[in-house]
Amino acid sequence: MRNIATTRILHLSDPAAANDPAKPWIWPLPRLDGVSPSIIPTHDPTWTDGIVQIGYTDRAASADLVPVFAAHDGIITYAFRGERGATLCLDHPAGWSSQYDGLESVIALSTDRFRRRRKVRVRTGEVLGHVRAPLRIGFALSRLVDGAWVPVQTAELIHAWSMLPWFAEPRAVSAAIAV
């Protein structure tokens, strides 16, 4: 992910809501047919400052597009299609921000930092877009501290988050029915 200059309207709410256990953070990629995503080491020198590559080490492709989820409630502040795919930024309560890079498709209109548009709100677990082979995205977190966005070491936080399931292939249905 490159440094992206945007005019951001911060989504602030009650700081206690950010620590609400009823509102957990989730992984941006699902557990796909029982296979969990993980942080994949990358040798791309442009990915710095807490940006991690998330994908599947035991699975490189899927017959269908795989959804990318909103990691937490927030507002879409930036959406753009570039040479590496679509990029999306969300602002979350209590000064948090998440960035998604390398999406095949995004379910949001592109944003223009110079136009005043109503920001699209998303809930935890809503589909933001999709990824196709190789099933990997760039993901980063940052936090507003003293008026400046500070990168957060995503790898240190993401392991405590929940994962949502997703089934790309139809599951076998048992034909045995008790009568």
C-alpha atoms as a PDB file:
ATOM      1  CA  MET A   1       0.000   0.000   0.000  1.00  0.00           C
ATOM      2  CA  ARG A   2       1.285   3.389  -0.862  1.00  0.00           C
ATOM      3  CA  ASN A   3       0.935   6.535   1.192  1.00  0.00           C
ATOM      4  CA  ILE A   4      -2.451   7.929   0.252  1.00  0.00           C
ATOM      5  CA  ALA A   5      -3.293  11.572   0.858  1.00  0.00           C
ATOM      6  CA  THR A   6      -6.955  11.962   1.649  1.00  0.00           C
ATOM      7  CA  THR A   7      -9.113  14.443   3.425  1.00  0.00           C
ATOM      8  CA  ARG A   8     -10.510  12.361   6.255  1.00  0.00           C
ATOM      9  CA  ILE A   9     -13.566  12.954   8.351  1.00  0.00           C
ATOM     10  CA  LEU A  10     -12.865  10.981  11.485  1.00  0.00           C
ATOM     11  CA  HIS A  11     -15.630   8.713  12.738  1.00  0.00           C
ATOM     12  CA  LEU A  12     -15.580   9.333  16.464  1.00  0.00           C
ATOM     13  CA  SER A  13     -17.994   7.947  18.985  1.00  0.00           C
ATOM     14  CA  ASP A  14     -17.933   7.080  22.634  1.00  0.00           C
ATOM     15  CA  PRO A  15     -14.377   5.803  23.348  1.00  0.00           C
ATOM     16  CA  ALA A  16     -15.842   3.124  25.612  1.00  0.00           C
ATOM     17  CA  ALA A  17     -17.627   1.670  22.569  1.00  0.00           C
ATOM     18  CA  ALA A  18     -14.272   0.819  20.971  1.00  0.00           C
ATOM     19  CA  ASN A  19     -13.472  -1.512  23.863  1.00  0.00           C
ATOM     20  CA  ASP A  20     -16.958  -3.044  23.971  1.00  0.00           C
ATOM     21  CA  PRO A  21     -16.554  -6.854  24.007  1.00  0.00           C
ATOM     22  CA  ALA A  22     -19.855  -7.139  22.113  1.00  0.00           C
ATOM     23  CA  LYS A  23     -18.127  -5.408  19.177  1.00  0.00           C
ATOM     24  CA  PRO A  24     -15.059  -7.562  18.491  1.00  0.00           C
ATOM     25  CA  TRP A  25     -12.702  -7.003  15.570  1.00  0.00           C
ATOM     26  CA  ILE A  26     -12.652  -9.724  12.919  1.00  0.00           C
ATOM     27  CA  TRP A  27     -10.155 -10.908  10.329  1.00  0.00           C
ATOM     28  CA  PRO A  28     -10.746  -9.279   6.931  1.00  0.00           C
ATOM     29  CA  LEU A  29     -10.625 -12.690   5.200  1.00  0.00           C
ATOM     30  CA  PRO A  30     -12.859 -15.600   6.244  1.00  0.00           C
ATOM     31  CA  ARG A  31     -12.092 -19.148   7.289  1.00  0.00           C
ATOM     32  CA  LEU A  32     -12.515 -20.622   3.790  1.00  0.00           C
ATOM     33  CA  ASP A  33     -13.910 -24.171   3.761  1.00  0.00           C
ATOM     34  CA  GLY A  34     -12.249 -24.729   7.152  1.00  0.00           C
ATOM     35  CA  VAL A  35      -8.862 -23.223   6.125  1.00  0.00           C
ATOM     36  CA  SER A  36      -7.884 -20.192   8.210  1.00  0.00           C
ATOM     37  CA  PRO A  37      -6.127 -17.181   6.709  1.00  0.00           C
ATOM     38  CA  SER A  38      -2.776 -16.170   8.114  1.00  0.00           C
ATOM     39  CA  ILE A  39      -0.163 -13.459   7.827  1.00  0.00           C
ATOM     40  CA  ILE A  40       2.077 -14.292   4.875  1.00  0.00           C
ATOM     41  CA  PRO A  41       5.635 -12.936   4.792  1.00  0.00           C
ATOM     42  CA  THR A  42       6.253 -10.574   1.878  1.00  0.00           C
ATOM     43  CA  HIS A  43       9.444  -9.303   0.328  1.00  0.00           C
ATOM     44  CA  ASP A  44       7.770  -6.243  -1.227  1.00  0.00           C
ATOM     45  CA  PRO A  45       9.779  -3.215   0.034  1.00  0.00           C
ATOM     46  CA  THR A  46       6.784  -0.875  -0.452  1.00  0.00           C
ATOM     47  CA  TRP A  47       4.840  -2.683   2.290  1.00  0.00           C
ATOM     48  CA  THR A  48       6.071  -1.069   5.497  1.00  0.00           C
ATOM     49  CA  ASP A  49       4.715   0.567   8.644  1.00  0.00           C
ATOM     50  CA  GLY A  50       2.553  -2.268   9.938  1.00  0.00           C
ATOM     51  CA  ILE A  51       1.160  -3.386   6.575  1.00  0.00           C
ATOM     52  CA  VAL A  52       0.754  -7.158   6.462  1.00  0.00           C
ATOM     53  CA  GLN A  53      -0.168  -9.539   3.687  1.00  0.00           C
ATOM     54  CA  ILE A  54      -3.085 -11.763   4.701  1.00  0.00           C
ATOM     55  CA  GLY A  55      -3.954 -14.870   2.747  1.00  0.00           C
ATOM     56  CA  TYR A  56      -4.114 -18.640   2.710  1.00  0.00           C
ATOM     57  CA  THR A  57      -0.916 -20.691   2.819  1.00  0.00           C
ATOM     58  CA  ASP A  58      -2.778 -23.973   2.200  1.00  0.00           C
ATOM     59  CA  ARG A  59      -4.945 -22.660  -0.608  1.00  0.00           C
ATOM     60  CA  ALA A  60      -4.003 -20.445  -3.554  1.00  0.00           C
ATOM     61  CA  ALA A  61      -7.291 -20.263  -5.453  1.00  0.00           C
ATOM     62  CA  SER A  62     -11.042 -20.582  -5.210  1.00  0.00           C
ATOM     63  CA  ALA A  63     -13.661 -21.210  -7.873  1.00  0.00           C
ATOM     64  CA  ASP A  64     -15.557 -18.190  -6.584  1.00  0.00           C
ATOM     65  CA  LEU A  65     -14.613 -14.743  -5.405  1.00  0.00           C
ATOM     66  CA  VAL A  66     -13.773 -14.722  -1.696  1.00  0.00           C
ATOM     67  CA  PRO A  67     -15.321 -11.896   0.378  1.00  0.00           C
ATOM     68  CA  VAL A  68     -13.295  -9.294   2.232  1.00  0.00           C
ATOM     69  CA  PHE A  69     -15.011  -8.222   5.459  1.00  0.00           C
ATOM     70  CA  ALA A  70     -15.057  -4.958   7.393  1.00  0.00           C
ATOM     71  CA  ALA A  71     -12.838  -5.655  10.400  1.00  0.00           C
ATOM     72  CA  HIS A  72     -14.960  -3.348  12.588  1.00  0.00           C
ATOM     73  CA  ASP A  73     -17.806  -0.809  12.361  1.00  0.00           C
ATOM     74  CA  GLY A  74     -16.731   2.262  10.449  1.00  0.00           C
ATOM     75  CA  ILE A  75     -17.064   4.696   7.583  1.00  0.00           C
ATOM     76  CA  ILE A  76     -15.533   4.242   4.131  1.00  0.00           C
ATOM     77  CA  THR A  77     -13.279   7.261   3.688  1.00  0.00           C
ATOM     78  CA  TYR A  78     -11.369   6.196   0.588  1.00  0.00           C
ATOM     79  CA  ALA A  79     -12.035   3.785  -2.279  1.00  0.00           C
ATOM     80  CA  PHE A  80      -9.964   3.656  -5.468  1.00  0.00           C
ATOM     81  CA  ARG A  81      -8.957   1.189  -8.183  1.00  0.00           C
ATOM     82  CA  GLY A  82      -5.237   1.232  -8.974  1.00  0.00           C
ATOM     83  CA  GLU A  83      -2.668  -0.936 -10.698  1.00  0.00           C
ATOM     84  CA  ARG A  84      -2.528  -3.479  -7.835  1.00  0.00           C
ATOM     85  CA  GLY A  85      -6.300  -3.722  -7.548  1.00  0.00           C
ATOM     86  CA  ALA A  86      -8.748  -1.794  -5.427  1.00  0.00           C
ATOM     87  CA  THR A  87      -7.774   0.027  -2.229  1.00  0.00           C
ATOM     88  CA  LEU A  88     -10.193   0.857   0.555  1.00  0.00           C
ATOM     89  CA  CYS A  89      -9.805   2.796   3.820  1.00  0.00           C
ATOM     90  CA  LEU A  90     -12.197   2.759   6.785  1.00  0.00           C
ATOM     91  CA  ASP A  91     -12.274   5.023   9.823  1.00  0.00           C
ATOM     92  CA  HIS A  92     -13.439   3.332  13.021  1.00  0.00           C
ATOM     93  CA  PRO A  93     -14.520   4.580  16.474  1.00  0.00           C
ATOM     94  CA  ALA A  94     -11.909   5.798  18.966  1.00  0.00           C
ATOM     95  CA  GLY A  95      -9.454   7.007  16.313  1.00  0.00           C
ATOM     96  CA  TRP A  96      -8.732   3.712  14.528  1.00  0.00           C
ATOM     97  CA  SER A  97      -8.357   3.308  10.768  1.00  0.00           C
ATOM     98  CA  SER A  98      -7.954   0.188   8.599  1.00  0.00           C
ATOM     99  CA  GLN A  99      -6.653  -0.054   5.055  1.00  0.00           C
ATOM    100  CA  TYR A 100      -7.291  -2.854   2.538  1.00  0.00           C
ATOM    101  CA  ASP A 101      -5.235  -3.245  -0.657  1.00  0.00           C
ATOM    102  CA  GLY A 102      -5.258  -5.632  -3.621  1.00  0.00           C
ATOM    103  CA  LEU A 103      -9.005  -6.322  -3.800  1.00  0.00           C
ATOM    104  CA  GLU A 104     -10.446  -7.666  -7.052  1.00  0.00           C
ATOM    105  CA  SER A 105     -13.666  -5.709  -6.571  1.00  0.00           C
ATOM    106  CA  VAL A 106     -15.058  -3.215  -4.078  1.00  0.00           C
ATOM    107  CA  ILE A 107     -18.700  -2.783  -3.139  1.00  0.00           C
ATOM    108  CA  ALA A 108     -18.411   0.989  -2.741  1.00  0.00           C
ATOM    109  CA  LEU A 109     -18.240   3.983  -5.019  1.00  0.00           C
ATOM    110  CA  SER A 110     -14.828   5.512  -5.641  1.00  0.00           C
ATOM    111  CA  THR A 111     -14.289   8.508  -3.411  1.00  0.00           C
ATOM    112  CA  ASP A 112     -12.934  11.903  -4.335  1.00  0.00           C
ATOM    113  CA  ARG A 113     -11.092  13.757  -1.614  1.00  0.00           C
ATOM    114  CA  PHE A 114     -12.211  17.116  -2.990  1.00  0.00           C
ATOM    115  CA  ARG A 115     -15.941  16.384  -3.142  1.00  0.00           C
ATOM    116  CA  ARG A 116     -18.182  16.362  -0.127  1.00  0.00           C
ATOM    117  CA  ARG A 117     -20.144  13.123  -0.279  1.00  0.00           C
ATOM    118  CA  ARG A 118     -22.029  11.361   2.427  1.00  0.00           C
ATOM    119  CA  LYS A 119     -19.723   8.672   3.794  1.00  0.00           C
ATOM    120  CA  VAL A 120     -20.870   5.061   3.563  1.00  0.00           C
ATOM    121  CA  ARG A 121     -21.202   3.354   6.954  1.00  0.00           C
ATOM    122  CA  VAL A 122     -20.353  -0.325   7.316  1.00  0.00           C
ATOM    123  CA  ARG A 123     -20.820  -2.802  10.157  1.00  0.00           C
ATOM    124  CA  THR A 124     -18.402  -5.429  11.426  1.00  0.00           C
ATOM    125  CA  GLY A 125     -18.452  -8.410   9.065  1.00  0.00           C
ATOM    126  CA  GLU A 126     -20.117  -6.682   6.109  1.00  0.00           C
ATOM    127  CA  VAL A 127     -18.630  -7.560   2.723  1.00  0.00           C
ATOM    128  CA  LEU A 128     -16.489  -4.676   1.450  1.00  0.00           C
ATOM    129  CA  GLY A 129     -15.334  -6.378  -1.715  1.00  0.00           C
ATOM    130  CA  HIS A 130     -13.828  -9.582  -3.048  1.00  0.00           C
ATOM    131  CA  VAL A 131     -10.436 -11.130  -3.726  1.00  0.00           C
ATOM    132  CA  ARG A 132      -9.481 -13.642  -6.419  1.00  0.00           C
ATOM    133  CA  ALA A 133      -6.367 -15.813  -6.847  1.00  0.00           C
ATOM    134  CA  PRO A 134      -3.889 -15.426  -5.353  1.00  0.00           C
ATOM    135  CA  LEU A 135      -6.111 -15.175  -2.297  1.00  0.00           C
ATOM    136  CA  ARG A 136      -4.136 -12.404  -0.594  1.00  0.00           C
ATOM    137  CA  ILE A 137      -4.707  -8.801   0.431  1.00  0.00           C
ATOM    138  CA  GLY A 138      -2.654  -6.081   2.060  1.00  0.00           C
ATOM    139  CA  PHE A 139      -4.053  -4.944   5.410  1.00  0.00           C
ATOM    140  CA  ALA A 140      -2.924  -2.242   7.820  1.00  0.00           C
ATOM    141  CA  LEU A 141      -4.119  -0.470  10.947  1.00  0.00           C
ATOM    142  CA  SER A 142      -3.348   3.030  12.113  1.00  0.00           C
ATOM    143  CA  ARG A 143      -4.449   5.162  15.040  1.00  0.00           C
ATOM    144  CA  LEU A 144      -4.949   8.888  15.439  1.00  0.00           C
ATOM    145  CA  VAL A 145      -2.551  10.061  18.168  1.00  0.00           C
ATOM    146  CA  ASP A 146      -2.094  13.759  18.927  1.00  0.00           C
ATOM    147  CA  GLY A 147      -3.548  14.754  15.562  1.00  0.00           C
ATOM    148  CA  ALA A 148      -1.343  12.447  13.453  1.00  0.00           C
ATOM    149  CA  TRP A 149      -1.985   8.971  12.022  1.00  0.00           C
ATOM    150  CA  VAL A 150       0.444   6.485  13.549  1.00  0.00           C
ATOM    151  CA  PRO A 151       0.923   3.019  11.982  1.00  0.00           C
ATOM    152  CA  VAL A 152       0.108   0.129  14.323  1.00  0.00           C
ATOM    153  CA  GLN A 153       1.844  -3.249  14.214  1.00  0.00           C
ATOM    154  CA  THR A 154      -1.126  -5.167  12.827  1.00  0.00           C
ATOM    155  CA  ALA A 155       0.490  -8.577  13.312  1.00  0.00           C
ATOM    156  CA  GLU A 156       0.543  -8.054  17.089  1.00  0.00           C
ATOM    157  CA  LEU A 157      -3.223  -7.404  17.311  1.00  0.00           C
ATOM    158  CA  ILE A 158      -4.883  -9.496  14.622  1.00  0.00           C
ATOM    159  CA  HIS A 159      -4.236 -12.898  16.230  1.00  0.00           C
ATOM    160  CA  ALA A 160      -6.768 -12.131  18.980  1.00  0.00           C
ATOM    161  CA  TRP A 161      -9.542 -11.311  16.473  1.00  0.00           C
ATOM    162  CA  SER A 162     -12.411 -13.621  15.473  1.00  0.00           C
ATOM    163  CA  MET A 163     -12.804 -15.255  12.044  1.00  0.00           C
ATOM    164  CA  LEU A 164     -16.024 -15.645  10.115  1.00  0.00           C
ATOM    165  CA  PRO A 165     -16.616 -18.864   8.128  1.00  0.00           C
ATOM    166  CA  TRP A 166     -17.178 -18.976   4.359  1.00  0.00           C
ATOM    167  CA  PHE A 167     -17.869 -21.936   2.111  1.00  0.00           C
ATOM    168  CA  ALA A 168     -16.714 -21.522  -1.506  1.00  0.00           C
ATOM    169  CA  GLU A 169     -17.704 -25.021  -2.575  1.00  0.00           C
ATOM    170  CA  PRO A 170     -21.070 -26.578  -1.713  1.00  0.00           C
ATOM    171  CA  ARG A 171     -20.865 -28.873   1.280  1.00  0.00           C
ATOM    172  CA  ALA A 172     -21.938 -32.470   0.917  1.00  0.00           C
ATOM    173  CA  VAL A 173     -25.376 -33.058   2.388  1.00  0.00           C
ATOM    174  CA  SER A 174     -25.965 -36.328   4.137  1.00  0.00           C
ATOM    175  CA  ALA A 175     -28.579 -38.466   2.426  1.00  0.00           C
ATOM    176  CA  ALA A 176     -29.334 -40.408   5.595  1.00  0.00           C
ATOM    177  CA  ILE A 177     -32.491 -39.100   7.212  1.00  0.00           C
ATOM    178  CA  ALA A 178     -33.980 -40.743  10.284  1.00  0.00           C
ATOM    179  CA  VAL A 179     -37.589 -41.726   9.740  1.00  0.00           C
END
